[in-house]
């Protein structure tokens, strides 16, 4: 996994603030592959709470600002089901929180 401990802490803390302490977060995509280079940070976040779109955008922006990398957020809430990408993230990803 190509994330520093500080980046993992940033992801966990920011996800907790927006999605609550019970949120589940997976890292997936190229950052899971230790042999890959570069790439954005792909995250799946599952929450039992419905989250306003503006809060999702702020969360993504805060993560990007803190880590100086682009972040893609796939969010699954009772109101928003992201589809098959969530299954891929769960199968191939690494759970961070």
PDB file of N, CA and C in Angstrom:
ATOM      1  N   UNK A   1       0.859  -1.174   0.000  1.00  0.00           N
ATOM      2  CA  UNK A   1       0.000   0.000   0.000  1.00  0.00           C
ATOM      3  C   UNK A   1       0.899   1.229   0.000  1.00  0.00           C
ATOM      4  N   UNK A   2       0.606   2.149  -0.898  1.00  0.00           N
ATOM      5  CA  UNK A   2       1.455   3.333  -1.045  1.00  0.00           C
ATOM      6  C   UNK A   2       0.819   4.571  -0.423  1.00  0.00           C
ATOM      7  N   UNK A   3       0.637   4.516   0.880  1.00  0.00           N
ATOM      8  CA  UNK A   3       0.210   5.675   1.665  1.00  0.00           C
ATOM      9  C   UNK A   3       1.087   5.741   2.903  1.00  0.00           C
ATOM     10  N   UNK A   4       1.415   6.941   3.309  1.00  0.00           N
ATOM     11  CA  UNK A   4       2.192   7.113   4.537  1.00  0.00           C
ATOM     12  C   UNK A   4       1.250   6.987   5.741  1.00  0.00           C
ATOM     13  N   UNK A   5       1.807   6.746   6.909  1.00  0.00           N
ATOM     14  CA  UNK A   5       0.968   6.729   8.118  1.00  0.00           C
ATOM     15  C   UNK A   5       0.214   8.049   8.313  1.00  0.00           C
ATOM     16  N   UNK A   6       0.846   9.163   7.963  1.00  0.00           N
ATOM     17  CA  UNK A   6       0.191  10.461   8.092  1.00  0.00           C
ATOM     18  C   UNK A   6      -1.005  10.575   7.143  1.00  0.00           C
ATOM     19  N   UNK A   7      -0.865  10.069   5.928  1.00  0.00           N
ATOM     20  CA  UNK A   7      -1.973  10.110   4.970  1.00  0.00           C
ATOM     21  C   UNK A   7      -3.127   9.234   5.452  1.00  0.00           C
ATOM     22  N   UNK A   8      -2.802   8.065   5.985  1.00  0.00           N
ATOM     23  CA  UNK A   8      -3.850   7.182   6.518  1.00  0.00           C
ATOM     24  C   UNK A   8      -4.565   7.865   7.675  1.00  0.00           C
ATOM     25  N   UNK A   9      -3.822   8.516   8.564  1.00  0.00           N
ATOM     26  CA  UNK A   9      -4.444   9.243   9.681  1.00  0.00           C
ATOM     27  C   UNK A   9      -5.352  10.358   9.180  1.00  0.00           C
ATOM     28  N   UNK A  10      -4.914  11.080   8.138  1.00  0.00           N
ATOM     29  CA  UNK A  10      -5.730  12.149   7.561  1.00  0.00           C
ATOM     30  C   UNK A  10      -7.034  11.592   7.004  1.00  0.00           C
ATOM     31  N   UNK A  11      -6.944  10.494   6.283  1.00  0.00           N
ATOM     32  CA  UNK A  11      -8.141   9.871   5.703  1.00  0.00           C
ATOM     33  C   UNK A  11      -9.097   9.438   6.809  1.00  0.00           C
ATOM     34  N   UNK A  12      -8.580   8.756   7.801  1.00  0.00           N
ATOM     35  CA  UNK A  12      -9.429   8.271   8.903  1.00  0.00           C
ATOM     36  C   UNK A  12     -10.102   9.424   9.646  1.00  0.00           C
ATOM     37  N   UNK A  13      -9.329  10.437   9.991  1.00  0.00           N
ATOM     38  CA  UNK A  13      -9.873  11.559  10.766  1.00  0.00           C
ATOM     39  C   UNK A  13     -10.916  12.333   9.965  1.00  0.00           C
ATOM     40  N   UNK A  14     -10.622  12.593   8.709  1.00  0.00           N
ATOM     41  CA  UNK A  14     -11.557  13.354   7.880  1.00  0.00           C
ATOM     42  C   UNK A  14     -12.838  12.559   7.639  1.00  0.00           C
ATOM     43  N   UNK A  15     -12.704  11.261   7.397  1.00  0.00           N
ATOM     44  CA  UNK A  15     -13.884  10.415   7.196  1.00  0.00           C
ATOM     45  C   UNK A  15     -14.739  10.372   8.453  1.00  0.00           C
ATOM     46  N   UNK A  16     -14.102  10.250   9.614  1.00  0.00           N
ATOM     47  CA  UNK A  16     -14.846  10.229  10.878  1.00  0.00           C
ATOM     48  C   UNK A  16     -15.627  11.521  11.087  1.00  0.00           C
ATOM     49  N   UNK A  17     -14.984  12.658  10.782  1.00  0.00           N
ATOM     50  CA  UNK A  17     -15.634  13.952  10.979  1.00  0.00           C
ATOM     51  C   UNK A  17     -16.865  14.105  10.096  1.00  0.00           C
ATOM     52  N   UNK A  18     -16.780  13.640   8.855  1.00  0.00           N
ATOM     53  CA  UNK A  18     -17.887  13.823   7.919  1.00  0.00           C
ATOM     54  C   UNK A  18     -18.927  12.721   8.031  1.00  0.00           C
ATOM     55  N   UNK A  19     -18.463  11.469   8.111  1.00  0.00           N
ATOM     56  CA  UNK A  19     -19.366  10.327   7.994  1.00  0.00           C
ATOM     57  C   UNK A  19     -19.701   9.658   9.312  1.00  0.00           C
ATOM     58  N   UNK A  20     -19.045  10.087  10.393  1.00  0.00           N
ATOM     59  CA  UNK A  20     -19.305   9.509  11.703  1.00  0.00           C
ATOM     60  C   UNK A  20     -18.319   8.409  12.044  1.00  0.00           C
ATOM     61  N   UNK A  21     -18.258   8.048  13.329  1.00  0.00           N
ATOM     62  CA  UNK A  21     -17.262   7.084  13.793  1.00  0.00           C
ATOM     63  C   UNK A  21     -17.464   5.671  13.264  1.00  0.00           C
ATOM     64  N   UNK A  22     -18.650   5.365  12.787  1.00  0.00           N
ATOM     65  CA  UNK A  22     -18.939   4.017  12.298  1.00  0.00           C
ATOM     66  C   UNK A  22     -18.656   3.856  10.804  1.00  0.00           C
ATOM     67  N   UNK A  23     -18.194   4.915  10.154  1.00  0.00           N
ATOM     68  CA  UNK A  23     -17.926   4.853   8.708  1.00  0.00           C
ATOM     69  C   UNK A  23     -16.841   3.816   8.411  1.00  0.00           C
ATOM     70  N   UNK A  24     -17.005   3.137   7.289  1.00  0.00           N
ATOM     71  CA  UNK A  24     -16.033   2.151   6.831  1.00  0.00           C
ATOM     72  C   UNK A  24     -15.352   2.707   5.588  1.00  0.00           C
ATOM     73  N   UNK A  25     -14.015   2.652   5.562  1.00  0.00           N
ATOM     74  CA  UNK A  25     -13.242   3.266   4.479  1.00  0.00           C
ATOM     75  C   UNK A  25     -12.284   2.244   3.886  1.00  0.00           C
ATOM     76  N   UNK A  26     -12.313   2.117   2.552  1.00  0.00           N
ATOM     77  CA  UNK A  26     -11.393   1.240   1.829  1.00  0.00           C
ATOM     78  C   UNK A  26     -10.557   2.071   0.859  1.00  0.00           C
ATOM     79  N   UNK A  27      -9.285   1.757   0.799  1.00  0.00           N
ATOM     80  CA  UNK A  27      -8.406   2.269  -0.243  1.00  0.00           C
ATOM     81  C   UNK A  27      -8.400   1.226  -1.354  1.00  0.00           C
ATOM     82  N   UNK A  28      -8.573   1.672  -2.601  1.00  0.00           N
ATOM     83  CA  UNK A  28      -8.520   0.742  -3.722  1.00  0.00           C
ATOM     84  C   UNK A  28      -7.839   1.422  -4.895  1.00  0.00           C
ATOM     85  N   UNK A  29      -7.639   0.706  -5.965  1.00  0.00           N
ATOM     86  CA  UNK A  29      -6.997   1.273  -7.145  1.00  0.00           C
ATOM     87  C   UNK A  29      -5.484   1.175  -7.067  1.00  0.00           C
ATOM     88  N   UNK A  30      -4.806   2.063  -7.780  1.00  0.00           N
ATOM     89  CA  UNK A  30      -3.351   1.974  -7.940  1.00  0.00           C
ATOM     90  C   UNK A  30      -2.575   2.146  -6.644  1.00  0.00           C
ATOM     91  N   UNK A  31      -3.113   2.844  -5.668  1.00  0.00           N
ATOM     92  CA  UNK A  31      -2.380   3.058  -4.417  1.00  0.00           C
ATOM     93  C   UNK A  31      -2.266   1.788  -3.568  1.00  0.00           C
ATOM     94  N   UNK A  32      -3.040   0.765  -3.888  1.00  0.00           N
ATOM     95  CA  UNK A  32      -2.934  -0.516  -3.189  1.00  0.00           C
ATOM     96  C   UNK A  32      -1.741  -1.315  -3.719  1.00  0.00           C
ATOM     97  N   UNK A  33      -1.364  -1.045  -4.960  1.00  0.00           N
ATOM     98  CA  UNK A  33      -0.296  -1.781  -5.645  1.00  0.00           C
ATOM     99  C   UNK A  33       1.061  -1.157  -5.335  1.00  0.00           C
ATOM    100  N   UNK A  34       1.885  -1.880  -4.583  1.00  0.00           N
ATOM    101  CA  UNK A  34       3.201  -1.360  -4.198  1.00  0.00           C
ATOM    102  C   UNK A  34       4.145  -1.176  -5.380  1.00  0.00           C
ATOM    103  N   UNK A  35       3.900  -1.860  -6.483  1.00  0.00           N
ATOM    104  CA  UNK A  35       4.797  -1.746  -7.637  1.00  0.00           C
ATOM    105  C   UNK A  35       4.392  -0.633  -8.600  1.00  0.00           C
ATOM    106  N   UNK A  36       3.223  -0.046  -8.413  1.00  0.00           N
ATOM    107  CA  UNK A  36       2.753   1.027  -9.291  1.00  0.00           C
ATOM    108  C   UNK A  36       3.418   2.351  -8.916  1.00  0.00           C
ATOM    109  N   UNK A  37       3.305   3.306  -9.810  1.00  0.00           N
ATOM    110  CA  UNK A  37       3.836   4.643  -9.572  1.00  0.00           C
ATOM    111  C   UNK A  37       2.718   5.668  -9.691  1.00  0.00           C
ATOM    112  N   UNK A  38       2.827   6.736  -8.916  1.00  0.00           N
ATOM    113  CA  UNK A  38       1.882   7.845  -9.039  1.00  0.00           C
ATOM    114  C   UNK A  38       0.456   7.439  -8.730  1.00  0.00           C
ATOM    115  N   UNK A  39      -0.456   8.194  -9.294  1.00  0.00           N
ATOM    116  CA  UNK A  39      -1.875   7.890  -9.153  1.00  0.00           C
ATOM    117  C   UNK A  39      -2.553   8.688  -8.066  1.00  0.00           C
ATOM    118  N   UNK A  40      -3.857   8.778  -8.201  1.00  0.00           N
ATOM    119  CA  UNK A  40      -4.664   9.462  -7.205  1.00  0.00           C
ATOM    120  C   UNK A  40      -4.974   8.499  -6.060  1.00  0.00           C
ATOM    121  N   UNK A  41      -5.722   8.971  -5.094  1.00  0.00           N
ATOM    122  CA  UNK A  41      -6.142   8.145  -3.968  1.00  0.00           C
ATOM    123  C   UNK A  41      -7.617   7.829  -4.171  1.00  0.00           C
ATOM    124  N   UNK A  42      -7.915   6.545  -4.382  1.00  0.00           N
ATOM    125  CA  UNK A  42      -9.289   6.089  -4.592  1.00  0.00           C
ATOM    126  C   UNK A  42      -9.817   5.524  -3.277  1.00  0.00           C
ATOM    127  N   UNK A  43     -10.932   6.074  -2.811  1.00  0.00           N
ATOM    128  CA  UNK A  43     -11.504   5.652  -1.539  1.00  0.00           C
ATOM    129  C   UNK A  43     -12.973   5.299  -1.696  1.00  0.00           C
ATOM    130  N   UNK A  44     -13.363   4.209  -1.070  1.00  0.00           N
ATOM    131  CA  UNK A  44     -14.776   3.871  -0.902  1.00  0.00           C
ATOM    132  C   UNK A  44     -15.109   4.160   0.546  1.00  0.00           C
ATOM    133  N   UNK A  45     -16.171   4.913   0.779  1.00  0.00           N
ATOM    134  CA  UNK A  45     -16.642   5.191   2.133  1.00  0.00           C
ATOM    135  C   UNK A  45     -18.074   4.701   2.236  1.00  0.00           C
ATOM    136  N   UNK A  46     -18.322   3.852   3.232  1.00  0.00           N
ATOM    137  CA  UNK A  46     -19.674   3.383   3.519  1.00  0.00           C
ATOM    138  C   UNK A  46     -20.122   4.008   4.834  1.00  0.00           C
ATOM    139  N   UNK A  47     -21.319   4.570   4.821  1.00  0.00           N
ATOM    140  CA  UNK A  47     -21.850   5.202   6.021  1.00  0.00           C
ATOM    141  C   UNK A  47     -23.327   4.889   6.144  1.00  0.00           C
ATOM    142  N   UNK A  48     -23.787   4.745   7.368  1.00  0.00           N
ATOM    143  CA  UNK A  48     -25.208   4.532   7.618  1.00  0.00           C
ATOM    144  C   UNK A  48     -25.977   5.845   7.643  1.00  0.00           C
ATOM    145  N   UNK A  49     -25.249   6.964   7.539  1.00  0.00           N
ATOM    146  CA  UNK A  49     -25.865   8.293   7.541  1.00  0.00           C
ATOM    147  C   UNK A  49     -25.958   8.830   6.116  1.00  0.00           C
ATOM    148  N   UNK A  50     -27.014   9.560   5.831  1.00  0.00           N
ATOM    149  CA  UNK A  50     -27.081  10.292   4.570  1.00  0.00           C
ATOM    150  C   UNK A  50     -26.265  11.566   4.725  1.00  0.00           C
ATOM    151  N   UNK A  51     -25.449  11.870   3.725  1.00  0.00           N
ATOM    152  CA  UNK A  51     -24.539  13.000   3.780  1.00  0.00           C
ATOM    153  C   UNK A  51     -24.876  13.963   2.644  1.00  0.00           C
ATOM    154  N   UNK A  52     -25.052  15.253   2.926  1.00  0.00           N
ATOM    155  CA  UNK A  52     -25.320  16.222   1.855  1.00  0.00           C
ATOM    156  C   UNK A  52     -24.161  16.277   0.861  1.00  0.00           C
ATOM    157  N   UNK A  53     -24.485  16.532  -0.382  1.00  0.00           N
ATOM    158  CA  UNK A  53     -23.473  16.584  -1.443  1.00  0.00           C
ATOM    159  C   UNK A  53     -22.391  17.612  -1.124  1.00  0.00           C
ATOM    160  N   UNK A  54     -22.775  18.755  -0.593  1.00  0.00           N
ATOM    161  CA  UNK A  54     -21.784  19.782  -0.264  1.00  0.00           C
ATOM    162  C   UNK A  54     -20.769  19.278   0.762  1.00  0.00           C
ATOM    163  N   UNK A  55     -21.221  18.474   1.715  1.00  0.00           N
ATOM    164  CA  UNK A  55     -20.302  17.915   2.711  1.00  0.00           C
ATOM    165  C   UNK A  55     -19.330  16.940   2.054  1.00  0.00           C
ATOM    166  N   UNK A  56     -19.806  16.189   1.073  1.00  0.00           N
ATOM    167  CA  UNK A  56     -18.919  15.266   0.345  1.00  0.00           C
ATOM    168  C   UNK A  56     -17.845  16.033  -0.407  1.00  0.00           C
ATOM    169  N   UNK A  57     -18.244  17.109  -1.048  1.00  0.00           N
ATOM    170  CA  UNK A  57     -17.283  17.915  -1.804  1.00  0.00           C
ATOM    171  C   UNK A  57     -16.253  18.567  -0.881  1.00  0.00           C
ATOM    172  N   UNK A  58     -16.704  19.064   0.257  1.00  0.00           N
ATOM    173  CA  UNK A  58     -15.774  19.664   1.227  1.00  0.00           C
ATOM    174  C   UNK A  58     -14.798  18.623   1.768  1.00  0.00           C
ATOM    175  N   UNK A  59     -15.308  17.432   2.027  1.00  0.00           N
ATOM    176  CA  UNK A  59     -14.463  16.357   2.550  1.00  0.00           C
ATOM    177  C   UNK A  59     -13.372  16.004   1.547  1.00  0.00           C
ATOM    178  N   UNK A  60     -13.755  15.848   0.306  1.00  0.00           N
ATOM    179  CA  UNK A  60     -12.776  15.541  -0.740  1.00  0.00           C
ATOM    180  C   UNK A  60     -11.735  16.653  -0.850  1.00  0.00           C
ATOM    181  N   UNK A  61     -12.186  17.890  -0.836  1.00  0.00           N
ATOM    182  CA  UNK A  61     -11.267  19.025  -0.940  1.00  0.00           C
ATOM    183  C   UNK A  61     -10.309  19.073   0.253  1.00  0.00           C
ATOM    184  N   UNK A  62     -10.809  18.816   1.445  1.00  0.00           N
ATOM    185  CA  UNK A  62      -9.949  18.811   2.632  1.00  0.00           C
ATOM    186  C   UNK A  62      -8.877  17.728   2.541  1.00  0.00           C
ATOM    187  N   UNK A  63      -9.256  16.555   2.072  1.00  0.00           N
ATOM    188  CA  UNK A  63      -8.284  15.470   1.921  1.00  0.00           C
ATOM    189  C   UNK A  63      -7.228  15.828   0.874  1.00  0.00           C
ATOM    190  N   UNK A  64      -7.666  16.366  -0.247  1.00  0.00           N
ATOM    191  CA  UNK A  64      -6.722  16.742  -1.304  1.00  0.00           C
ATOM    192  C   UNK A  64      -5.756  17.818  -0.820  1.00  0.00           C
ATOM    193  N   UNK A  65      -6.264  18.789  -0.103  1.00  0.00           N
ATOM    194  CA  UNK A  65      -5.425  19.873   0.416  1.00  0.00           C
ATOM    195  C   UNK A  65      -4.399  19.329   1.407  1.00  0.00           C
ATOM    196  N   UNK A  66      -4.841  18.458   2.305  1.00  0.00           N
ATOM    197  CA  UNK A  66      -3.960  17.930   3.342  1.00  0.00           C
ATOM    198  C   UNK A  66      -2.890  17.002   2.783  1.00  0.00           C
ATOM    199  N   UNK A  67      -3.233  16.236   1.732  1.00  0.00           N
ATOM    200  CA  UNK A  67      -2.298  15.226   1.230  1.00  0.00           C
ATOM    201  C   UNK A  67      -1.600  15.639  -0.071  1.00  0.00           C
ATOM    202  N   UNK A  68      -2.013  16.757  -0.644  1.00  0.00           N
ATOM    203  CA  UNK A  68      -1.418  17.250  -1.893  1.00  0.00           C
ATOM    204  C   UNK A  68      -1.520  16.233  -3.024  1.00  0.00           C
ATOM    205  N   UNK A  69      -2.637  15.507  -3.054  1.00  0.00           N
ATOM    206  CA  UNK A  69      -2.897  14.510  -4.091  1.00  0.00           C
ATOM    207  C   UNK A  69      -4.373  14.530  -4.438  1.00  0.00           C
ATOM    208  N   UNK A  70      -4.717  14.192  -5.697  1.00  0.00           N
ATOM    209  CA  UNK A  70      -6.130  14.079  -6.043  1.00  0.00           C
ATOM    210  C   UNK A  70      -6.769  12.892  -5.323  1.00  0.00           C
ATOM    211  N   UNK A  71      -8.012  13.069  -4.913  1.00  0.00           N
ATOM    212  CA  UNK A  71      -8.758  12.031  -4.207  1.00  0.00           C
ATOM    213  C   UNK A  71     -10.064  11.777  -4.949  1.00  0.00           C
ATOM    214  N   UNK A  72     -10.350  10.506  -5.195  1.00  0.00           N
ATOM    215  CA  UNK A  72     -11.652  10.104  -5.733  1.00  0.00           C
ATOM    216  C   UNK A  72     -12.419   9.421  -4.615  1.00  0.00           C
ATOM    217  N   UNK A  73     -13.606   9.944  -4.304  1.00  0.00           N
ATOM    218  CA  UNK A  73     -14.452   9.366  -3.266  1.00  0.00           C
ATOM    219  C   UNK A  73     -15.638   8.660  -3.900  1.00  0.00           C
ATOM    220  N   UNK A  74     -15.796   7.402  -3.578  1.00  0.00           N
ATOM    221  CA  UNK A  74     -16.997   6.651  -3.918  1.00  0.00           C
ATOM    222  C   UNK A  74     -17.728   6.472  -2.595  1.00  0.00           C
ATOM    223  N   UNK A  75     -18.963   6.946  -2.524  1.00  0.00           N
ATOM    224  CA  UNK A  75     -19.680   6.964  -1.253  1.00  0.00           C
ATOM    225  C   UNK A  75     -20.929   6.118  -1.352  1.00  0.00           C
ATOM    226  N   UNK A  76     -21.116   5.276  -0.348  1.00  0.00           N
ATOM    227  CA  UNK A  76     -22.318   4.462  -0.256  1.00  0.00           C
ATOM    228  C   UNK A  76     -23.022   4.809   1.048  1.00  0.00           C
ATOM    229  N   UNK A  77     -24.231   5.349   0.932  1.00  0.00           N
ATOM    230  CA  UNK A  77     -25.075   5.683   2.078  1.00  0.00           C
ATOM    231  C   UNK A  77     -26.455   5.093   1.793  1.00  0.00           C
ATOM    232  N   UNK A  78     -27.361   5.147   2.763  1.00  0.00           N
ATOM    233  CA  UNK A  78     -28.712   4.660   2.482  1.00  0.00           C
ATOM    234  C   UNK A  78     -29.351   5.372   1.286  1.00  0.00           C
ATOM    235  N   UNK A  79     -28.989   6.647   1.081  1.00  0.00           N
ATOM    236  CA  UNK A  79     -29.561   7.437   0.001  1.00  0.00           C
ATOM    237  C   UNK A  79     -28.807   7.271  -1.323  1.00  0.00           C
ATOM    238  N   UNK A  80     -27.536   6.950  -1.255  1.00  0.00           N
ATOM    239  CA  UNK A  80     -26.684   6.921  -2.451  1.00  0.00           C
ATOM    240  C   UNK A  80     -25.966   5.579  -2.562  1.00  0.00           C
ATOM    241  N   UNK A  81     -26.337   4.777  -3.535  1.00  0.00           N
ATOM    242  CA  UNK A  81     -25.699   3.493  -3.782  1.00  0.00           C
ATOM    243  C   UNK A  81     -24.824   3.617  -5.023  1.00  0.00           C
ATOM    244  N   UNK A  82     -23.500   3.455  -4.908  1.00  0.00           N
ATOM    245  CA  UNK A  82     -22.600   3.711  -6.029  1.00  0.00           C
ATOM    246  C   UNK A  82     -22.552   2.630  -7.097  1.00  0.00           C
ATOM    247  N   UNK A  83     -23.100   1.462  -6.851  1.00  0.00           N
ATOM    248  CA  UNK A  83     -23.104   0.428  -7.872  1.00  0.00           C
ATOM    249  C   UNK A  83     -21.926  -0.525  -7.761  1.00  0.00           C
ATOM    250  N   UNK A  84     -21.569  -1.153  -8.881  1.00  0.00           N
ATOM    251  CA  UNK A  84     -20.580  -2.238  -8.850  1.00  0.00           C
ATOM    252  C   UNK A  84     -19.177  -1.813  -8.434  1.00  0.00           C
ATOM    253  N   UNK A  85     -18.838  -0.553  -8.551  1.00  0.00           N
ATOM    254  CA  UNK A  85     -17.501  -0.119  -8.153  1.00  0.00           C
ATOM    255  C   UNK A  85     -17.271  -0.385  -6.668  1.00  0.00           C
ATOM    256  N   UNK A  86     -18.312  -0.305  -5.859  1.00  0.00           N
ATOM    257  CA  UNK A  86     -18.166  -0.577  -4.422  1.00  0.00           C
ATOM    258  C   UNK A  86     -17.768  -2.027  -4.188  1.00  0.00           C
ATOM    259  N   UNK A  87     -18.339  -2.942  -4.954  1.00  0.00           N
ATOM    260  CA  UNK A  87     -17.971  -4.354  -4.813  1.00  0.00           C
ATOM    261  C   UNK A  87     -16.509  -4.569  -5.186  1.00  0.00           C
ATOM    262  N   UNK A  88     -16.070  -3.937  -6.253  1.00  0.00           N
ATOM    263  CA  UNK A  88     -14.664  -4.052  -6.673  1.00  0.00           C
ATOM    264  C   UNK A  88     -13.753  -3.492  -5.586  1.00  0.00           C
ATOM    265  N   UNK A  89     -14.119  -2.345  -5.026  1.00  0.00           N
ATOM    266  CA  UNK A  89     -13.304  -1.726  -3.971  1.00  0.00           C
ATOM    267  C   UNK A  89     -13.196  -2.638  -2.759  1.00  0.00           C
ATOM    268  N   UNK A  90     -14.306  -3.266  -2.375  1.00  0.00           N
ATOM    269  CA  UNK A  90     -14.279  -4.156  -1.216  1.00  0.00           C
ATOM    270  C   UNK A  90     -13.437  -5.410  -1.487  1.00  0.00           C
ATOM    271  N   UNK A  91     -13.512  -5.929  -2.709  1.00  0.00           N
ATOM    272  CA  UNK A  91     -12.787  -7.157  -3.049  1.00  0.00           C
ATOM    273  C   UNK A  91     -11.282  -6.930  -3.244  1.00  0.00           C
ATOM    274  N   UNK A  92     -10.910  -5.787  -3.789  1.00  0.00           N
ATOM    275  CA  UNK A  92      -9.504  -5.549  -4.147  1.00  0.00           C
ATOM    276  C   UNK A  92      -8.830  -4.545  -3.226  1.00  0.00           C
ATOM    277  N   UNK A  93      -9.599  -3.877  -2.388  1.00  0.00           N
ATOM    278  CA  UNK A  93      -9.046  -2.793  -1.579  1.00  0.00           C
ATOM    279  C   UNK A  93      -8.532  -3.227  -0.231  1.00  0.00           C
ATOM    280  N   UNK A  94      -8.029  -2.231   0.488  1.00  0.00           N
ATOM    281  CA  UNK A  94      -7.515  -2.402   1.838  1.00  0.00           C
ATOM    282  C   UNK A  94      -8.369  -1.539   2.756  1.00  0.00           C
ATOM    283  N   UNK A  95      -8.938  -2.148   3.770  1.00  0.00           N
ATOM    284  CA  UNK A  95      -9.769  -1.384   4.700  1.00  0.00           C
ATOM    285  C   UNK A  95      -8.888  -0.534   5.604  1.00  0.00           C
ATOM    286  N   UNK A  96      -9.185   0.761   5.651  1.00  0.00           N
ATOM    287  CA  UNK A  96      -8.425   1.702   6.483  1.00  0.00           C
ATOM    288  C   UNK A  96      -9.143   2.038   7.779  1.00  0.00           C
ATOM    289  N   UNK A  97     -10.459   1.967   7.758  1.00  0.00           N
ATOM    290  CA  UNK A  97     -11.248   2.301   8.954  1.00  0.00           C
ATOM    291  C   UNK A  97     -12.554   1.540   8.912  1.00  0.00           C
TER     292      UNK A  97
END
